[in-house]
Amino acid sequence: MPRNSTPNERAGGETGHDPFVTVIMPVRNEEQFIERSLGAVLAQDFFADRYEVLVADGMSTDRTREIVRAVAGDRNVTILDNPGKIAPTALNVGIGHAAGEIIVRVDGHTEIAPDYIRKSVDALERTGAECVGGRMDPVGQTSFGRAVALASRNRFSLGGSRFHYATEEQETDSVYMGTYAKRVFSRVGLFDEELVRNQDDEFNYRLRSAGGRVMLVPGIRSTYYNRATPGGLWRQYFQYGLWKVRVIQKLPGQVRLRHLVPSGFVSGLLIAAVLSAVWVESAFALAALAALYVLFVTLIALSAAGVRSIGLAAQTALAIAIMHVGYGVGFIVGFVRFAGRWRLRRQSAPWDGR
């Protein structure tokens, strides 16, 4: 439960102003996690009467809403319908109903630290940034899930997403979840409702293009319950790659080398495989490329899991490969699926505050 704050304790920093905060939780069929994630939101060491929680539910077909009502009790928690069923529509529904001057996003698979809201509010006021976010610490609930967590902490696996490993405060291109000053949505617009994935990357790029700043503050901590099966991990990273193409089409300046490497690797394997049918040298090139990749991934996995945990290292290597190949295949499929949309760069209109 929230602490009993004294009048001299200022959750909003040293300005003498305690801002009202809206926590938006985009969820759908989260009965396995919602008790922990919502429970952590309600257990903040922030003034209990200075924040509300909006659970934007994507028309769940499981017990999500029932659990939300039970956990919420008499706290300021409201369930909103999200007919769009995806994160950007949930966030936009929440922003439209938000009473707070600060918007905190918390995902259903995430358990935030007890000081998450307080530190986020303090960081916004101290840095003057329009968005702040912190470290994401992945955990797994199965043996493969633990391997995914190890893979997620490695720079080689994820291509440099700083919120996985950063130890120092720094300006960055995007953060996990994110806490925003509500006023930015009137200036920049809402989240792009076309993007099933990567909507935060796209929004933060627009924010920075408009002169805003995104700050990564490692002291803002949360625990993310990552995918527990190879199939679930594949679908996640396939979608990341697929929708990254659409983001690049809308915002070409957002592309980085790390976004292209997985698809380049997969394309190289496919081209070598096709050519090997008529050109024997291609078969050797394919075998050499695959062997080099397997060796590199194995070394990374052994370093992460430890040489004494061969089974865990093997699953970690599999998780890394799924991340890379799934993303790469998704990116290639995205190029085909969105081939006719290179001129369609529609973005969200500025929010009028209503």
Protein backbone atom coordinates (compact mmCIF):
# COMPACT_ATOMS: atom_id res chain seq x y z
CA MET A 1 0.00 0.00 0.00
CA PRO A 2 1.16 3.61 -0.56
CA ARG A 3 3.12 5.21 2.23
CA ASN A 4 1.57 7.72 4.60
CA SER A 5 3.16 10.91 3.28
CA THR A 6 3.77 13.88 5.51
CA PRO A 7 2.94 17.40 4.30
CA ASN A 8 6.64 18.15 3.87
CA GLU A 9 7.26 15.26 1.47
CA ARG A 10 6.97 16.41 -2.11
CA ALA A 11 6.35 13.70 -4.70
CA GLY A 12 6.76 16.25 -7.45
CA GLY A 13 10.28 17.34 -6.52
CA GLU A 14 11.19 20.54 -4.72
CA THR A 15 8.85 22.85 -6.63
CA GLY A 16 6.17 22.74 -3.94
CA HIS A 17 3.75 21.27 -6.47
CA ASP A 18 2.47 17.72 -6.35
CA PRO A 19 1.23 17.00 -9.90
CA PHE A 20 -1.77 14.78 -10.49
CA VAL A 21 -0.72 11.66 -12.38
CA THR A 22 -2.65 9.35 -14.68
CA VAL A 23 -1.37 5.79 -15.07
CA ILE A 24 -2.57 4.20 -18.31
CA MET A 25 -2.41 0.41 -18.56
CA PRO A 26 -3.01 -1.03 -22.06
CA VAL A 27 -4.07 -4.64 -21.48
CA ARG A 28 -5.83 -7.52 -23.19
CA ASN A 29 -6.29 -11.02 -21.79
CA GLU A 30 -3.79 -10.48 -18.99
CA GLU A 31 -5.36 -12.65 -16.28
CA GLN A 32 -2.00 -14.29 -15.54
CA PHE A 33 -0.20 -11.01 -14.86
CA ILE A 34 -2.69 -8.24 -14.13
CA GLU A 35 -2.86 -8.88 -10.38
CA ARG A 36 0.89 -8.33 -10.06
CA SER A 37 1.12 -5.42 -12.49
CA LEU A 38 -1.90 -3.51 -11.15
CA GLY A 39 -0.95 -4.41 -7.58
CA ALA A 40 2.47 -2.83 -8.09
CA VAL A 41 0.85 0.34 -9.47
CA LEU A 42 -1.40 0.61 -6.42
CA ALA A 43 1.51 -0.01 -4.02
CA GLN A 44 3.48 3.09 -5.03
CA ASP A 45 5.17 5.32 -2.45
CA PHE A 46 3.37 8.24 -4.06
CA PHE A 47 0.43 10.19 -2.67
CA ALA A 48 -2.56 7.87 -3.07
CA ASP A 49 -4.89 10.77 -3.79
CA ARG A 50 -2.59 12.25 -6.43
CA TYR A 51 -2.88 9.57 -9.08
CA GLU A 52 -5.55 7.65 -10.95
CA VAL A 53 -5.29 4.39 -12.87
CA LEU A 54 -6.99 3.87 -16.23
CA VAL A 55 -7.02 0.26 -17.39
CA ALA A 56 -7.65 0.43 -21.14
CA ASP A 57 -8.85 -3.09 -21.83
CA GLY A 58 -8.86 -4.48 -25.37
CA MET A 59 -12.15 -6.31 -24.87
CA SER A 60 -10.57 -9.19 -22.93
CA THR A 61 -12.24 -12.59 -23.14
CA ASP A 62 -10.63 -13.97 -19.97
CA ARG A 63 -10.88 -12.88 -16.31
CA THR A 64 -8.84 -9.68 -16.70
CA ARG A 65 -11.65 -7.27 -15.81
CA GLU A 66 -12.83 -9.36 -12.89
CA ILE A 67 -9.32 -9.42 -11.44
CA VAL A 68 -8.88 -5.67 -11.98
CA ARG A 69 -12.05 -4.94 -10.01
CA ALA A 70 -11.00 -7.27 -7.19
CA VAL A 71 -7.48 -5.80 -6.92
CA ALA A 72 -8.67 -2.20 -7.23
CA GLY A 73 -11.07 -2.30 -4.29
CA ASP A 74 -12.01 1.30 -3.46
CA ARG A 75 -8.97 2.85 -5.17
CA ASN A 76 -9.23 5.29 -8.08
CA VAL A 77 -9.15 2.68 -10.85
CA THR A 78 -11.31 2.91 -13.97
CA ILE A 79 -11.73 0.30 -16.71
CA LEU A 80 -12.04 1.77 -20.21
CA ASP A 81 -13.13 -0.09 -23.34
CA ASN A 82 -10.50 -0.31 -26.08
CA PRO A 83 -12.33 -1.67 -29.14
CA GLY A 84 -9.14 -1.31 -31.20
CA LYS A 85 -7.56 -4.05 -29.03
CA ILE A 86 -3.98 -2.80 -29.57
CA ALA A 87 -1.62 -0.64 -27.50
CA PRO A 88 -1.79 2.65 -29.44
CA THR A 89 -5.58 2.76 -29.39
CA ALA A 90 -5.51 1.92 -25.67
CA LEU A 91 -3.07 4.74 -24.97
CA ASN A 92 -5.12 7.23 -26.98
CA VAL A 93 -8.34 6.22 -25.22
CA GLY A 94 -6.56 6.67 -21.90
CA ILE A 95 -5.09 10.06 -22.81
CA GLY A 96 -8.55 11.24 -23.83
CA HIS A 97 -9.92 10.36 -20.37
CA ALA A 98 -6.85 11.34 -18.33
CA ALA A 99 -7.24 13.91 -15.56
CA GLY A 100 -3.51 13.99 -14.83
CA GLU A 101 -0.94 16.47 -16.07
CA ILE A 102 1.55 13.61 -16.25
CA ILE A 103 0.92 10.36 -18.12
CA VAL A 104 2.62 7.16 -16.96
CA ARG A 105 2.37 4.08 -19.19
CA VAL A 106 2.50 0.68 -17.47
CA ASP A 107 2.11 -2.50 -19.52
CA GLY A 108 0.27 -5.57 -18.30
CA HIS A 109 3.37 -7.83 -18.38
CA THR A 110 5.35 -5.38 -16.23
CA GLU A 111 5.75 -4.94 -12.49
CA ILE A 112 7.01 -1.46 -11.63
CA ALA A 113 9.21 -0.71 -8.62
CA PRO A 114 7.50 0.88 -5.56
CA ASP A 115 9.13 4.25 -6.30
CA TYR A 116 8.48 4.17 -10.06
CA ILE A 117 5.92 7.00 -10.24
CA ARG A 118 7.76 9.21 -7.76
CA LYS A 119 11.09 8.86 -9.52
CA SER A 120 9.48 9.38 -12.92
CA VAL A 121 7.77 12.59 -11.77
CA ASP A 122 10.99 13.82 -10.16
CA ALA A 123 12.97 13.06 -13.33
CA LEU A 124 10.53 14.96 -15.54
CA GLU A 125 10.78 18.05 -13.35
CA ARG A 126 14.53 17.80 -12.72
CA THR A 127 15.58 17.24 -16.35
CA GLY A 128 12.94 19.33 -18.10
CA ALA A 129 12.45 16.48 -20.59
CA GLU A 130 9.09 15.72 -22.17
CA CYS A 131 9.52 11.96 -21.68
CA VAL A 132 11.48 9.87 -19.19
CA GLY A 133 11.88 6.15 -18.73
CA GLY A 134 14.16 3.72 -17.00
CA ARG A 135 15.65 0.27 -16.90
CA MET A 136 13.64 -2.78 -17.87
CA ASP A 137 14.74 -5.91 -16.02
CA PRO A 138 13.48 -9.06 -17.82
CA VAL A 139 12.55 -12.22 -15.91
CA GLY A 140 11.35 -15.61 -17.08
CA GLN A 141 8.96 -18.01 -15.42
CA THR A 142 10.02 -21.11 -17.38
CA SER A 143 13.43 -22.48 -18.28
CA PHE A 144 13.13 -21.03 -21.76
CA GLY A 145 11.80 -17.79 -20.28
CA ARG A 146 14.93 -17.51 -18.14
CA ALA A 147 17.00 -18.00 -21.29
CA VAL A 148 15.05 -15.21 -23.01
CA ALA A 149 15.79 -12.95 -20.04
CA LEU A 150 19.52 -13.64 -20.38
CA ALA A 151 19.37 -13.01 -24.12
CA SER A 152 17.47 -9.76 -23.57
CA ARG A 153 20.25 -8.36 -21.39
CA ASN A 154 22.84 -8.80 -24.13
CA ARG A 155 23.63 -5.98 -26.56
CA PHE A 156 24.29 -8.41 -29.41
CA SER A 157 20.78 -9.86 -29.07
CA LEU A 158 18.86 -6.59 -29.16
CA GLY A 159 21.06 -4.30 -31.17
CA GLY A 160 21.75 -1.58 -28.64
CA SER A 161 18.44 -0.74 -26.93
CA ARG A 162 19.92 1.17 -24.02
CA PHE A 163 17.13 0.68 -21.49
CA HIS A 164 18.19 -2.97 -21.21
CA TYR A 165 21.66 -2.25 -19.86
CA ALA A 166 22.33 1.47 -19.27
CA THR A 167 23.79 2.43 -15.90
CA GLU A 168 24.05 6.20 -16.41
CA GLU A 169 21.42 8.86 -17.06
CA GLN A 170 21.44 9.96 -20.70
CA GLU A 171 19.38 11.44 -23.50
CA THR A 172 18.21 8.70 -25.86
CA ASP A 173 15.93 8.02 -28.83
CA SER A 174 13.32 5.96 -26.98
CA VAL A 175 12.61 4.33 -23.62
CA TYR A 176 10.61 1.42 -22.28
CA MET A 177 6.96 2.40 -21.61
CA GLY A 178 7.66 6.07 -20.82
CA THR A 179 6.29 8.85 -18.62
CA TYR A 180 5.14 11.97 -20.47
CA ALA A 181 4.13 15.50 -19.70
CA LYS A 182 0.55 15.50 -20.97
CA ARG A 183 1.02 18.79 -22.80
CA VAL A 184 3.24 17.11 -25.42
CA PHE A 185 0.24 15.35 -26.96
CA SER A 186 -1.32 18.69 -27.89
CA ARG A 187 1.88 19.65 -29.67
CA VAL A 188 3.06 16.35 -31.17
CA GLY A 189 -0.14 14.37 -31.59
CA LEU A 190 -1.32 11.03 -30.26
CA PHE A 191 0.08 7.55 -30.83
CA ASP A 192 -0.22 6.25 -34.39
CA GLU A 193 -3.10 3.76 -34.31
CA GLU A 194 -1.92 1.92 -37.42
CA LEU A 195 1.16 0.57 -35.63
CA VAL A 196 0.49 -2.67 -33.77
CA ARG A 197 4.14 -2.59 -32.65
CA ASN A 198 6.81 0.11 -32.38
CA GLN A 199 4.27 2.87 -31.72
CA ASP A 200 6.43 4.26 -28.90
CA ASP A 201 9.51 4.48 -31.15
CA GLU A 202 7.49 6.33 -33.78
CA PHE A 203 5.96 8.72 -31.26
CA ASN A 204 9.26 9.48 -29.55
CA TYR A 205 10.86 10.23 -32.91
CA ARG A 206 8.14 12.80 -33.61
CA LEU A 207 8.59 14.21 -30.13
CA ARG A 208 12.32 14.67 -30.62
CA SER A 209 11.80 16.09 -34.11
CA ALA A 210 9.57 18.74 -32.52
CA GLY A 211 12.37 19.74 -30.14
CA GLY A 212 11.44 17.51 -27.21
CA ARG A 213 13.84 15.38 -25.21
CA VAL A 214 13.66 11.75 -24.10
CA MET A 215 15.72 10.88 -21.03
CA LEU A 216 16.78 7.45 -19.83
CA VAL A 217 17.06 7.39 -16.04
CA PRO A 218 18.36 3.97 -14.85
CA GLY A 219 17.01 4.53 -11.33
CA ILE A 220 13.47 4.19 -12.68
CA ARG A 221 13.09 0.41 -12.52
CA SER A 222 10.58 -2.16 -13.67
CA THR A 223 10.44 -5.91 -14.13
CA TYR A 224 9.19 -7.31 -17.43
CA TYR A 225 7.82 -10.85 -17.65
CA ASN A 226 9.12 -11.90 -21.05
CA ARG A 227 7.81 -14.57 -23.42
CA ALA A 228 8.00 -18.08 -22.03
CA THR A 229 7.95 -20.19 -25.22
CA PRO A 230 9.87 -20.22 -28.51
CA GLY A 231 6.62 -19.71 -30.43
CA GLY A 232 5.62 -16.70 -28.36
CA LEU A 233 9.08 -15.16 -28.75
CA TRP A 234 9.03 -15.74 -32.52
CA ARG A 235 5.65 -14.03 -32.92
CA GLN A 236 6.80 -11.06 -30.83
CA TYR A 237 9.98 -10.42 -32.82
CA PHE A 238 8.35 -11.18 -36.16
CA GLN A 239 5.88 -8.38 -35.40
CA TYR A 240 8.69 -6.06 -34.29
CA GLY A 241 10.38 -6.52 -37.66
CA LEU A 242 7.15 -6.32 -39.64
CA TRP A 243 5.97 -3.04 -38.14
CA LYS A 244 9.43 -1.47 -38.13
CA VAL A 245 9.10 -1.30 -41.92
CA ARG A 246 5.94 0.79 -41.59
CA VAL A 247 7.64 3.10 -39.09
CA ILE A 248 10.54 3.61 -41.51
CA GLN A 249 8.10 4.35 -44.32
CA LYS A 250 6.46 7.06 -42.23
CA LEU A 251 9.69 8.38 -40.73
CA PRO A 252 12.74 7.51 -42.89
CA GLY A 253 15.03 9.38 -40.54
CA GLN A 254 14.23 6.90 -37.77
CA VAL A 255 16.09 4.00 -39.39
CA ARG A 256 19.37 2.81 -37.87
CA LEU A 257 21.86 0.19 -39.02
CA ARG A 258 20.74 -2.15 -36.24
CA HIS A 259 17.24 -2.21 -37.78
CA LEU A 260 18.63 -3.53 -41.09
CA VAL A 261 21.20 -6.09 -39.95
CA PRO A 262 18.79 -8.98 -39.09
CA SER A 263 16.98 -8.76 -42.44
CA GLY A 264 20.33 -8.51 -44.24
CA PHE A 265 21.52 -11.66 -42.49
CA VAL A 266 18.34 -13.59 -43.32
CA SER A 267 18.41 -12.32 -46.92
CA GLY A 268 22.00 -13.50 -47.25
CA LEU A 269 21.06 -16.97 -46.06
CA LEU A 270 18.09 -17.15 -48.43
CA ILE A 271 20.09 -15.95 -51.46
CA ALA A 272 22.92 -18.40 -50.72
CA ALA A 273 20.40 -21.23 -50.29
CA VAL A 274 18.76 -20.50 -53.65
CA LEU A 275 22.05 -20.12 -55.50
CA SER A 276 23.45 -23.31 -53.97
CA ALA A 277 21.10 -25.31 -56.19
CA VAL A 278 23.01 -24.20 -59.30
CA TRP A 279 26.31 -22.95 -57.94
CA VAL A 280 28.21 -25.23 -55.60
CA GLU A 281 30.31 -22.39 -54.19
CA SER A 282 27.14 -20.86 -52.78
CA ALA A 283 26.55 -23.97 -50.71
CA PHE A 284 29.95 -23.53 -49.11
CA ALA A 285 29.24 -19.84 -48.52
CA LEU A 286 25.90 -20.72 -46.92
CA ALA A 287 27.49 -23.32 -44.66
CA ALA A 288 30.30 -20.96 -43.68
CA LEU A 289 27.90 -18.09 -42.90
CA ALA A 290 25.62 -20.34 -40.85
CA ALA A 291 28.55 -21.93 -38.98
CA LEU A 292 30.07 -18.55 -38.15
CA TYR A 293 26.74 -17.29 -36.83
CA VAL A 294 26.15 -20.43 -34.74
CA LEU A 295 29.64 -20.13 -33.26
CA PHE A 296 29.17 -16.47 -32.41
CA VAL A 297 25.74 -17.02 -30.85
CA THR A 298 27.05 -20.00 -28.88
CA LEU A 299 29.89 -17.95 -27.42
CA ILE A 300 27.50 -15.16 -26.48
CA ALA A 301 25.12 -17.65 -24.85
CA LEU A 302 27.91 -19.37 -22.90
CA SER A 303 29.11 -16.00 -21.68
CA ALA A 304 25.60 -15.10 -20.52
CA ALA A 305 24.59 -18.42 -18.96
CA GLY A 306 27.97 -19.74 -17.81
CA VAL A 307 29.88 -22.74 -19.10
CA ARG A 308 28.50 -24.90 -16.28
CA SER A 309 24.91 -24.34 -17.42
CA ILE A 310 25.04 -26.00 -20.83
CA GLY A 311 21.29 -26.55 -21.01
CA LEU A 312 20.51 -22.93 -20.18
CA ALA A 313 23.21 -21.76 -22.60
CA ALA A 314 21.68 -23.84 -25.39
CA GLN A 315 18.25 -22.32 -24.78
CA THR A 316 19.79 -18.85 -24.62
CA ALA A 317 21.42 -19.44 -28.00
CA LEU A 318 18.06 -20.55 -29.37
CA ALA A 319 16.38 -17.42 -27.96
CA ILE A 320 19.00 -15.13 -29.55
CA ALA A 321 18.57 -16.86 -32.91
CA ILE A 322 14.79 -16.55 -32.71
CA MET A 323 15.08 -12.84 -31.93
CA HIS A 324 17.37 -12.22 -34.90
CA VAL A 325 15.73 -14.46 -37.47
CA GLY A 326 12.18 -13.65 -36.37
CA TYR A 327 12.88 -9.92 -36.65
CA GLY A 328 14.66 -10.36 -39.97
CA VAL A 329 11.88 -12.47 -41.51
CA GLY A 330 9.27 -10.02 -40.21
CA PHE A 331 11.18 -7.11 -41.77
CA ILE A 332 11.31 -8.86 -45.15
CA VAL A 333 7.62 -9.73 -44.99
CA GLY A 334 6.91 -6.12 -44.03
CA PHE A 335 8.65 -4.89 -47.18
CA VAL A 336 6.31 -7.08 -49.23
CA ARG A 337 3.17 -6.40 -47.21
CA PHE A 338 3.63 -2.62 -47.13
CA ALA A 339 5.17 -2.29 -50.60
CA GLY A 340 2.50 0.13 -51.77
CA ARG A 341 2.68 2.44 -48.76
CA TRP A 342 5.98 4.25 -49.18
CA ARG A 343 4.21 7.50 -49.97
CA LEU A 344 1.66 7.11 -47.16
CA ARG A 345 3.19 8.86 -44.16
CA ARG A 346 0.03 9.86 -42.33
CA GLN A 347 0.66 10.75 -38.71
CA SER A 348 -1.54 11.47 -35.74
CA ALA A 349 -3.05 14.95 -35.68
CA PRO A 350 -2.36 17.12 -32.63
CA TRP A 351 -4.64 16.30 -29.74
CA ASP A 352 -7.08 19.12 -28.95
CA GLY A 353 -7.31 18.22 -25.26
CA ARG A 354 -10.93 17.17 -25.34
